[in-house]
Amino acid sequence: MSELSKRSTIYFETAIHQALKIKAATTQQSVSEVVNEAVRGALREDQEDLNAFTQRADEPTLSYEELLEDLKSHGKI
Protein backbone atom coordinates (compact mmCIF):
# COMPACT_ATOMS: atom_id res chain seq x y z
CA MET A 1 0.00 0.00 0.00
CA SER A 2 1.23 3.46 -0.87
CA GLU A 3 2.39 6.01 1.71
CA LEU A 4 -0.36 8.25 0.37
CA SER A 5 -3.09 5.73 1.23
CA LYS A 6 -5.73 6.66 3.78
CA ARG A 7 -7.37 4.21 6.15
CA SER A 8 -11.13 4.02 6.39
CA THR A 9 -13.56 1.66 8.06
CA ILE A 10 -16.17 0.25 5.72
CA TYR A 11 -18.90 -2.17 6.74
CA PHE A 12 -19.84 -4.73 4.09
CA GLU A 13 -22.76 -7.10 4.05
CA THR A 14 -21.51 -10.59 4.92
CA ALA A 15 -22.03 -12.01 1.42
CA ILE A 16 -20.29 -9.06 -0.24
CA HIS A 17 -17.35 -9.31 2.14
CA GLN A 18 -17.02 -13.01 1.40
CA ALA A 19 -17.13 -12.34 -2.36
CA LEU A 20 -14.46 -9.64 -1.96
CA LYS A 21 -12.18 -12.00 -0.05
CA ILE A 22 -12.60 -14.71 -2.68
CA LYS A 23 -11.99 -12.29 -5.55
CA ALA A 24 -8.92 -10.89 -3.79
CA ALA A 25 -7.51 -14.37 -3.26
CA THR A 26 -8.18 -15.55 -6.81
CA THR A 27 -6.71 -12.39 -8.37
CA GLN A 28 -3.78 -12.27 -5.94
CA GLN A 29 -4.77 -8.82 -4.70
CA SER A 30 -5.69 -7.46 -1.31
CA VAL A 31 -9.30 -6.65 -0.50
CA SER A 32 -8.24 -2.99 -0.45
CA GLU A 33 -6.90 -3.26 -4.01
CA VAL A 34 -10.12 -4.88 -5.21
CA VAL A 35 -12.24 -2.20 -3.52
CA ASN A 36 -10.04 0.65 -4.80
CA GLU A 37 -10.28 -0.74 -8.34
CA ALA A 38 -14.07 -0.96 -8.09
CA VAL A 39 -14.38 2.58 -6.71
CA ARG A 40 -12.08 3.97 -9.41
CA GLY A 41 -14.26 2.23 -12.02
CA ALA A 42 -17.44 3.71 -10.55
CA LEU A 43 -15.92 7.20 -10.43
CA ARG A 44 -14.68 6.85 -14.01
CA GLU A 45 -18.19 5.84 -15.08
CA ASP A 46 -19.65 8.88 -13.28
CA GLN A 47 -17.18 11.13 -15.10
CA GLU A 48 -18.14 9.61 -18.45
CA ASP A 49 -21.83 10.16 -17.64
CA LEU A 50 -21.17 13.79 -16.71
CA ASN A 51 -19.18 14.33 -19.92
CA ALA A 52 -21.99 12.82 -21.99
CA PHE A 53 -24.53 15.04 -20.22
CA THR A 54 -22.41 18.12 -20.91
CA GLN A 55 -22.01 17.21 -24.57
CA ARG A 56 -25.76 16.72 -24.96
CA ALA A 57 -26.86 19.74 -22.90
CA ASP A 58 -27.74 21.80 -25.98
CA GLU A 59 -29.82 19.09 -27.66
CA PRO A 60 -33.52 19.86 -27.89
CA THR A 61 -35.68 18.22 -25.26
CA LEU A 62 -38.90 16.35 -25.82
CA SER A 63 -41.62 16.13 -23.18
CA TYR A 64 -43.11 12.76 -22.32
CA GLU A 65 -46.37 13.80 -23.96
CA GLU A 66 -44.52 14.85 -27.14
CA LEU A 67 -42.65 11.56 -27.17
CA LEU A 68 -45.88 9.58 -26.90
CA GLU A 69 -47.44 11.64 -29.68
CA ASP A 70 -44.37 11.08 -31.89
CA LEU A 71 -44.47 7.32 -31.25
CA LYS A 72 -48.19 7.25 -32.02
CA SER A 73 -47.78 9.26 -35.24
CA HIS A 74 -45.12 6.81 -36.43
CA GLY A 75 -47.28 3.77 -35.62
CA LYS A 76 -45.00 2.59 -32.81
CA ILE A 77 -47.80 2.52 -30.23
PDB file of N, CA and C in Angstrom:
ATOM      1  N   MET A   1       0.837  -1.173   0.000  1.00  0.00           N
ATOM      2  CA  MET A   1       0.000   0.000   0.000  1.00  0.00           C
ATOM      3  C   MET A   1       0.883   1.238   0.000  1.00  0.00           C
ATOM      4  N   SER A   2       0.478   2.228  -0.706  1.00  0.00           N
ATOM      5  CA  SER A   2       1.234   3.460  -0.870  1.00  0.00           C
ATOM      6  C   SER A   2       1.270   4.277   0.415  1.00  0.00           C
ATOM      7  N   GLU A   3       2.306   5.085   0.568  1.00  0.00           N
ATOM      8  CA  GLU A   3       2.387   6.006   1.706  1.00  0.00           C
ATOM      9  C   GLU A   3       1.236   6.993   1.686  1.00  0.00           C
ATOM     10  N   LEU A   4       0.704   7.267   0.507  1.00  0.00           N
ATOM     11  CA  LEU A   4      -0.360   8.249   0.369  1.00  0.00           C
ATOM     12  C   LEU A   4      -1.740   7.666   0.641  1.00  0.00           C
ATOM     13  N   SER A   5      -1.812   6.378   0.955  1.00  0.00           N
ATOM     14  CA  SER A   5      -3.092   5.731   1.229  1.00  0.00           C
ATOM     15  C   SER A   5      -3.687   6.247   2.524  1.00  0.00           C
ATOM     16  N   LYS A   6      -5.000   6.270   2.574  1.00  0.00           N
ATOM     17  CA  LYS A   6      -5.734   6.659   3.779  1.00  0.00           C
ATOM     18  C   LYS A   6      -6.533   5.456   4.256  1.00  0.00           C
ATOM     19  N   ARG A   7      -6.626   5.319   5.548  1.00  0.00           N
ATOM     20  CA  ARG A   7      -7.368   4.214   6.148  1.00  0.00           C
ATOM     21  C   ARG A   7      -8.801   4.664   6.398  1.00  0.00           C
ATOM     22  N   SER A   8      -9.726   3.747   6.147  1.00  0.00           N
ATOM     23  CA  SER A   8     -11.131   4.018   6.390  1.00  0.00           C
ATOM     24  C   SER A   8     -11.813   2.722   6.808  1.00  0.00           C
ATOM     25  N   THR A   9     -12.798   2.839   7.655  1.00  0.00           N
ATOM     26  CA  THR A   9     -13.561   1.661   8.058  1.00  0.00           C
ATOM     27  C   THR A   9     -14.821   1.598   7.209  1.00  0.00           C
ATOM     28  N   ILE A  10     -15.004   0.462   6.558  1.00  0.00           N
ATOM     29  CA  ILE A  10     -16.171   0.248   5.716  1.00  0.00           C
ATOM     30  C   ILE A  10     -16.846  -1.035   6.175  1.00  0.00           C
ATOM     31  N   TYR A  11     -18.143  -0.988   6.317  1.00  0.00           N
ATOM     32  CA  TYR A  11     -18.898  -2.166   6.740  1.00  0.00           C
ATOM     33  C   TYR A  11     -19.597  -2.768   5.525  1.00  0.00           C
ATOM     34  N   PHE A  12     -19.254  -4.012   5.213  1.00  0.00           N
ATOM     35  CA  PHE A  12     -19.842  -4.727   4.087  1.00  0.00           C
ATOM     36  C   PHE A  12     -20.861  -5.733   4.592  1.00  0.00           C
ATOM     37  N   GLU A  13     -21.860  -5.994   3.768  1.00  0.00           N
ATOM     38  CA  GLU A  13     -22.756  -7.101   4.053  1.00  0.00           C
ATOM     39  C   GLU A  13     -21.908  -8.375   4.019  1.00  0.00           C
ATOM     40  N   THR A  14     -22.295  -9.365   4.791  1.00  0.00           N
ATOM     41  CA  THR A  14     -21.511 -10.589   4.916  1.00  0.00           C
ATOM     42  C   THR A  14     -21.220 -11.231   3.568  1.00  0.00           C
ATOM     43  N   ALA A  15     -22.218 -11.355   2.719  1.00  0.00           N
ATOM     44  CA  ALA A  15     -22.030 -12.010   1.420  1.00  0.00           C
ATOM     45  C   ALA A  15     -21.085 -11.215   0.522  1.00  0.00           C
ATOM     46  N   ILE A  16     -21.179  -9.893   0.573  1.00  0.00           N
ATOM     47  CA  ILE A  16     -20.292  -9.058  -0.243  1.00  0.00           C
ATOM     48  C   ILE A  16     -18.862  -9.168   0.260  1.00  0.00           C
ATOM     49  N   HIS A  17     -18.688  -9.176   1.566  1.00  0.00           N
ATOM     50  CA  HIS A  17     -17.345  -9.309   2.135  1.00  0.00           C
ATOM     51  C   HIS A  17     -16.724 -10.646   1.742  1.00  0.00           C
ATOM     52  N   GLN A  18     -17.511 -11.690   1.796  1.00  0.00           N
ATOM     53  CA  GLN A  18     -17.021 -13.015   1.397  1.00  0.00           C
ATOM     54  C   GLN A  18     -16.616 -13.018  -0.071  1.00  0.00           C
ATOM     55  N   ALA A  19     -17.444 -12.409  -0.927  1.00  0.00           N
ATOM     56  CA  ALA A  19     -17.126 -12.339  -2.359  1.00  0.00           C
ATOM     57  C   ALA A  19     -15.850 -11.532  -2.588  1.00  0.00           C
ATOM     58  N   LEU A  20     -15.674 -10.445  -1.843  1.00  0.00           N
ATOM     59  CA  LEU A  20     -14.459  -9.639  -1.963  1.00  0.00           C
ATOM     60  C   LEU A  20     -13.222 -10.444  -1.579  1.00  0.00           C
ATOM     61  N   LYS A  21     -13.323 -11.191  -0.489  1.00  0.00           N
ATOM     62  CA  LYS A  21     -12.182 -11.997  -0.045  1.00  0.00           C
ATOM     63  C   LYS A  21     -11.829 -13.059  -1.082  1.00  0.00           C
ATOM     64  N   ILE A  22     -12.844 -13.688  -1.661  1.00  0.00           N
ATOM     65  CA  ILE A  22     -12.601 -14.713  -2.680  1.00  0.00           C
ATOM     66  C   ILE A  22     -11.985 -14.088  -3.924  1.00  0.00           C
ATOM     67  N   LYS A  23     -12.545 -12.946  -4.364  1.00  0.00           N
ATOM     68  CA  LYS A  23     -11.993 -12.292  -5.553  1.00  0.00           C
ATOM     69  C   LYS A  23     -10.551 -11.858  -5.300  1.00  0.00           C
ATOM     70  N   ALA A  24     -10.276 -11.321  -4.128  1.00  0.00           N
ATOM     71  CA  ALA A  24      -8.920 -10.895  -3.794  1.00  0.00           C
ATOM     72  C   ALA A  24      -7.961 -12.081  -3.843  1.00  0.00           C
ATOM     73  N   ALA A  25      -8.373 -13.188  -3.286  1.00  0.00           N
ATOM     74  CA  ALA A  25      -7.509 -14.371  -3.262  1.00  0.00           C
ATOM     75  C   ALA A  25      -7.279 -14.927  -4.667  1.00  0.00           C
ATOM     76  N   THR A  26      -8.334 -14.964  -5.474  1.00  0.00           N
ATOM     77  CA  THR A  26      -8.184 -15.546  -6.807  1.00  0.00           C
ATOM     78  C   THR A  26      -7.436 -14.632  -7.775  1.00  0.00           C
ATOM     79  N   THR A  27      -7.422 -13.330  -7.499  1.00  0.00           N
ATOM     80  CA  THR A  27      -6.709 -12.394  -8.368  1.00  0.00           C
ATOM     81  C   THR A  27      -5.369 -11.972  -7.768  1.00  0.00           C
ATOM     82  N   GLN A  28      -5.029 -12.569  -6.640  1.00  0.00           N
ATOM     83  CA  GLN A  28      -3.777 -12.274  -5.939  1.00  0.00           C
ATOM     84  C   GLN A  28      -3.636 -10.780  -5.638  1.00  0.00           C
ATOM     85  N   GLN A  29      -4.733 -10.210  -5.136  1.00  0.00           N
ATOM     86  CA  GLN A  29      -4.770  -8.819  -4.705  1.00  0.00           C
ATOM     87  C   GLN A  29      -5.268  -8.781  -3.269  1.00  0.00           C
ATOM     88  N   SER A  30      -5.086  -7.644  -2.637  1.00  0.00           N
ATOM     89  CA  SER A  30      -5.685  -7.460  -1.315  1.00  0.00           C
ATOM     90  C   SER A  30      -7.135  -7.013  -1.505  1.00  0.00           C
ATOM     91  N   VAL A  31      -7.925  -7.145  -0.451  1.00  0.00           N
ATOM     92  CA  VAL A  31      -9.304  -6.654  -0.499  1.00  0.00           C
ATOM     93  C   VAL A  31      -9.292  -5.153  -0.792  1.00  0.00           C
ATOM     94  N   SER A  32      -8.346  -4.433  -0.201  1.00  0.00           N
ATOM     95  CA  SER A  32      -8.237  -2.991  -0.452  1.00  0.00           C
ATOM     96  C   SER A  32      -8.013  -2.698  -1.931  1.00  0.00           C
ATOM     97  N   GLU A  33      -7.157  -3.472  -2.585  1.00  0.00           N
ATOM     98  CA  GLU A  33      -6.902  -3.259  -4.006  1.00  0.00           C
ATOM     99  C   GLU A  33      -8.153  -3.517  -4.836  1.00  0.00           C
ATOM    100  N   VAL A  34      -8.885  -4.557  -4.484  1.00  0.00           N
ATOM    101  CA  VAL A  34     -10.119  -4.878  -5.210  1.00  0.00           C
ATOM    102  C   VAL A  34     -11.137  -3.748  -5.030  1.00  0.00           C
ATOM    103  N   VAL A  35     -11.286  -3.272  -3.798  1.00  0.00           N
ATOM    104  CA  VAL A  35     -12.244  -2.197  -3.520  1.00  0.00           C
ATOM    105  C   VAL A  35     -11.814  -0.906  -4.215  1.00  0.00           C
ATOM    106  N   ASN A  36     -10.531  -0.558  -4.137  1.00  0.00           N
ATOM    107  CA  ASN A  36     -10.042   0.652  -4.797  1.00  0.00           C
ATOM    108  C   ASN A  36     -10.291   0.597  -6.302  1.00  0.00           C
ATOM    109  N   GLU A  37     -10.046  -0.559  -6.903  1.00  0.00           N
ATOM    110  CA  GLU A  37     -10.279  -0.738  -8.341  1.00  0.00           C
ATOM    111  C   GLU A  37     -11.750  -0.530  -8.680  1.00  0.00           C
ATOM    112  N   ALA A  38     -12.625  -1.091  -7.857  1.00  0.00           N
ATOM    113  CA  ALA A  38     -14.066  -0.957  -8.089  1.00  0.00           C
ATOM    114  C   ALA A  38     -14.517   0.497  -7.937  1.00  0.00           C
ATOM    115  N   VAL A  39     -14.008   1.184  -6.927  1.00  0.00           N
ATOM    116  CA  VAL A  39     -14.380   2.584  -6.709  1.00  0.00           C
ATOM    117  C   VAL A  39     -13.860   3.455  -7.852  1.00  0.00           C
ATOM    118  N   ARG A  40     -12.611   3.218  -8.276  1.00  0.00           N
ATOM    119  CA  ARG A  40     -12.081   3.966  -9.414  1.00  0.00           C
ATOM    120  C   ARG A  40     -12.959   3.759 -10.646  1.00  0.00           C
ATOM    121  N   GLY A  41     -13.386   2.525 -10.885  1.00  0.00           N
ATOM    122  CA  GLY A  41     -14.264   2.230 -12.019  1.00  0.00           C
ATOM    123  C   GLY A  41     -15.585   2.979 -11.928  1.00  0.00           C
ATOM    124  N   ALA A  42     -16.170   3.005 -10.747  1.00  0.00           N
ATOM    125  CA  ALA A  42     -17.441   3.712 -10.554  1.00  0.00           C
ATOM    126  C   ALA A  42     -17.270   5.214 -10.757  1.00  0.00           C
ATOM    127  N   LEU A  43     -16.172   5.775 -10.260  1.00  0.00           N
ATOM    128  CA  LEU A  43     -15.921   7.205 -10.435  1.00  0.00           C
ATOM    129  C   LEU A  43     -15.655   7.542 -11.897  1.00  0.00           C
ATOM    130  N   ARG A  44     -14.942   6.661 -12.589  1.00  0.00           N
ATOM    131  CA  ARG A  44     -14.678   6.851 -14.014  1.00  0.00           C
ATOM    132  C   ARG A  44     -16.006   6.853 -14.801  1.00  0.00           C
ATOM    133  N   GLU A  45     -16.881   5.920 -14.431  1.00  0.00           N
ATOM    134  CA  GLU A  45     -18.190   5.835 -15.080  1.00  0.00           C
ATOM    135  C   GLU A  45     -19.005   7.102 -14.830  1.00  0.00           C
ATOM    136  N   ASP A  46     -18.955   7.619 -13.594  1.00  0.00           N
ATOM    137  CA  ASP A  46     -19.647   8.876 -13.279  1.00  0.00           C
ATOM    138  C   ASP A  46     -19.107  10.013 -14.144  1.00  0.00           C
ATOM    139  N   GLN A  47     -17.790  10.074 -14.293  1.00  0.00           N
ATOM    140  CA  GLN A  47     -17.184  11.129 -15.099  1.00  0.00           C
ATOM    141  C   GLN A  47     -17.621  11.021 -16.559  1.00  0.00           C
ATOM    142  N   GLU A  48     -17.674   9.811 -17.073  1.00  0.00           N
ATOM    143  CA  GLU A  48     -18.140   9.607 -18.451  1.00  0.00           C
ATOM    144  C   GLU A  48     -19.588  10.056 -18.605  1.00  0.00           C
ATOM    145  N   ASP A  49     -20.423   9.742 -17.603  1.00  0.00           N
ATOM    146  CA  ASP A  49     -21.827  10.158 -17.642  1.00  0.00           C
ATOM    147  C   ASP A  49     -21.934  11.684 -17.631  1.00  0.00           C
ATOM    148  N   LEU A  50     -21.142  12.335 -16.776  1.00  0.00           N
ATOM    149  CA  LEU A  50     -21.170  13.794 -16.709  1.00  0.00           C
ATOM    150  C   LEU A  50     -20.693  14.416 -18.018  1.00  0.00           C
ATOM    151  N   ASN A  51     -19.662  13.826 -18.624  1.00  0.00           N
ATOM    152  CA  ASN A  51     -19.182  14.325 -19.919  1.00  0.00           C
ATOM    153  C   ASN A  51     -20.254  14.184 -20.993  1.00  0.00           C
ATOM    154  N   ALA A  52     -20.928  13.042 -21.011  1.00  0.00           N
ATOM    155  CA  ALA A  52     -21.993  12.819 -21.991  1.00  0.00           C
ATOM    156  C   ALA A  52     -23.130  13.820 -21.778  1.00  0.00           C
ATOM    157  N   PHE A  53     -23.467  14.073 -20.532  1.00  0.00           N
ATOM    158  CA  PHE A  53     -24.526  15.039 -20.219  1.00  0.00           C
ATOM    159  C   PHE A  53     -24.132  16.423 -20.715  1.00  0.00           C
ATOM    160  N   THR A  54     -22.891  16.811 -20.474  1.00  0.00           N
ATOM    161  CA  THR A  54     -22.409  18.125 -20.911  1.00  0.00           C
ATOM    162  C   THR A  54     -22.448  18.246 -22.429  1.00  0.00           C
ATOM    163  N   GLN A  55     -22.014  17.186 -23.113  1.00  0.00           N
ATOM    164  CA  GLN A  55     -22.006  17.208 -24.573  1.00  0.00           C
ATOM    165  C   GLN A  55     -23.412  17.293 -25.160  1.00  0.00           C
ATOM    166  N   ARG A  56     -24.389  16.757 -24.432  1.00  0.00           N
ATOM    167  CA  ARG A  56     -25.756  16.723 -24.960  1.00  0.00           C
ATOM    168  C   ARG A  56     -26.637  17.819 -24.387  1.00  0.00           C
ATOM    169  N   ALA A  57     -26.072  18.713 -23.589  1.00  0.00           N
ATOM    170  CA  ALA A  57     -26.863  19.741 -22.896  1.00  0.00           C
ATOM    171  C   ALA A  57     -27.622  20.649 -23.854  1.00  0.00           C
ATOM    172  N   ASP A  58     -27.094  20.885 -25.041  1.00  0.00           N
ATOM    173  CA  ASP A  58     -27.739  21.797 -25.976  1.00  0.00           C
ATOM    174  C   ASP A  58     -28.713  21.108 -26.926  1.00  0.00           C
ATOM    175  N   GLU A  59     -28.864  19.794 -26.803  1.00  0.00           N
ATOM    176  CA  GLU A  59     -29.816  19.089 -27.659  1.00  0.00           C
ATOM    177  C   GLU A  59     -31.237  19.475 -27.263  1.00  0.00           C
ATOM    178  N   PRO A  60     -32.131  19.521 -28.236  1.00  0.00           N
ATOM    179  CA  PRO A  60     -33.521  19.856 -27.894  1.00  0.00           C
ATOM    180  C   PRO A  60     -34.134  18.766 -27.012  1.00  0.00           C
ATOM    181  N   THR A  61     -35.011  19.186 -26.137  1.00  0.00           N
ATOM    182  CA  THR A  61     -35.684  18.220 -25.260  1.00  0.00           C
ATOM    183  C   THR A  61     -37.078  17.930 -25.805  1.00  0.00           C
ATOM    184  N   LEU A  62     -37.580  16.793 -25.388  1.00  0.00           N
ATOM    185  CA  LEU A  62     -38.895  16.346 -25.817  1.00  0.00           C
ATOM    186  C   LEU A  62     -39.649  15.935 -24.561  1.00  0.00           C
ATOM    187  N   SER A  63     -40.837  16.506 -24.353  1.00  0.00           N
ATOM    188  CA  SER A  63     -41.617  16.132 -23.180  1.00  0.00           C
ATOM    189  C   SER A  63     -42.137  14.705 -23.351  1.00  0.00           C
ATOM    190  N   TYR A  64     -42.560  14.118 -22.263  1.00  0.00           N
ATOM    191  CA  TYR A  64     -43.110  12.764 -22.317  1.00  0.00           C
ATOM    192  C   TYR A  64     -44.328  12.719 -23.236  1.00  0.00           C
ATOM    193  N   GLU A  65     -45.167  13.742 -23.123  1.00  0.00           N
ATOM    194  CA  GLU A  65     -46.367  13.797 -23.957  1.00  0.00           C
ATOM    195  C   GLU A  65     -45.995  13.896 -25.445  1.00  0.00           C
ATOM    196  N   GLU A  66     -44.971  14.720 -25.759  1.00  0.00           N
ATOM    197  CA  GLU A  66     -44.519  14.848 -27.141  1.00  0.00           C
ATOM    198  C   GLU A  66     -43.930  13.532 -27.655  1.00  0.00           C
ATOM    199  N   LEU A  67     -43.212  12.850 -26.798  1.00  0.00           N
ATOM    200  CA  LEU A  67     -42.645  11.556 -27.168  1.00  0.00           C
ATOM    201  C   LEU A  67     -43.750  10.562 -27.500  1.00  0.00           C
ATOM    202  N   LEU A  68     -44.753  10.494 -26.640  1.00  0.00           N
ATOM    203  CA  LEU A  68     -45.877   9.581 -26.899  1.00  0.00           C
ATOM    204  C   LEU A  68     -46.573   9.922 -28.202  1.00  0.00           C
ATOM    205  N   GLU A  69     -46.791  11.209 -28.448  1.00  0.00           N
ATOM    206  CA  GLU A  69     -47.444  11.638 -29.682  1.00  0.00           C
ATOM    207  C   GLU A  69     -46.600  11.263 -30.904  1.00  0.00           C
ATOM    208  N   ASP A  70     -45.275  11.438 -30.806  1.00  0.00           N
ATOM    209  CA  ASP A  70     -44.373  11.077 -31.893  1.00  0.00           C
ATOM    210  C   ASP A  70     -44.420   9.574 -32.155  1.00  0.00           C
ATOM    211  N   LEU A  71     -44.387   8.774 -31.097  1.00  0.00           N
ATOM    212  CA  LEU A  71     -44.466   7.324 -31.255  1.00  0.00           C
ATOM    213  C   LEU A  71     -45.782   6.910 -31.904  1.00  0.00           C
ATOM    214  N   LYS A  72     -46.869   7.563 -31.468  1.00  0.00           N
ATOM    215  CA  LYS A  72     -48.189   7.255 -32.017  1.00  0.00           C
ATOM    216  C   LYS A  72     -48.253   7.628 -33.492  1.00  0.00           C
ATOM    217  N   SER A  73     -47.718   8.804 -33.845  1.00  0.00           N
ATOM    218  CA  SER A  73     -47.777   9.265 -35.237  1.00  0.00           C
ATOM    219  C   SER A  73     -46.942   8.395 -36.178  1.00  0.00           C
ATOM    220  N   HIS A  74     -45.948   7.703 -35.632  1.00  0.00           N
ATOM    221  CA  HIS A  74     -45.119   6.809 -36.431  1.00  0.00           C
ATOM    222  C   HIS A  74     -45.561   5.341 -36.320  1.00  0.00           C
ATOM    223  N   GLY A  75     -46.727   5.114 -35.714  1.00  0.00           N
ATOM    224  CA  GLY A  75     -47.275   3.772 -35.620  1.00  0.00           C
ATOM    225  C   GLY A  75     -46.526   2.844 -34.677  1.00  0.00           C
ATOM    226  N   LYS A  76     -45.770   3.410 -33.753  1.00  0.00           N
ATOM    227  CA  LYS A  76     -45.000   2.588 -32.811  1.00  0.00           C
ATOM    228  C   LYS A  76     -45.847   2.145 -31.616  1.00  0.00           C
ATOM    229  N   ILE A  77     -46.885   2.927 -31.312  1.00  0.00           N
ATOM    230  CA  ILE A  77     -47.802   2.521 -30.227  1.00  0.00           C
ATOM    231  C   ILE A  77     -49.229   2.745 -30.677  1.00  0.00           C
TER     232      ILE A  77
END
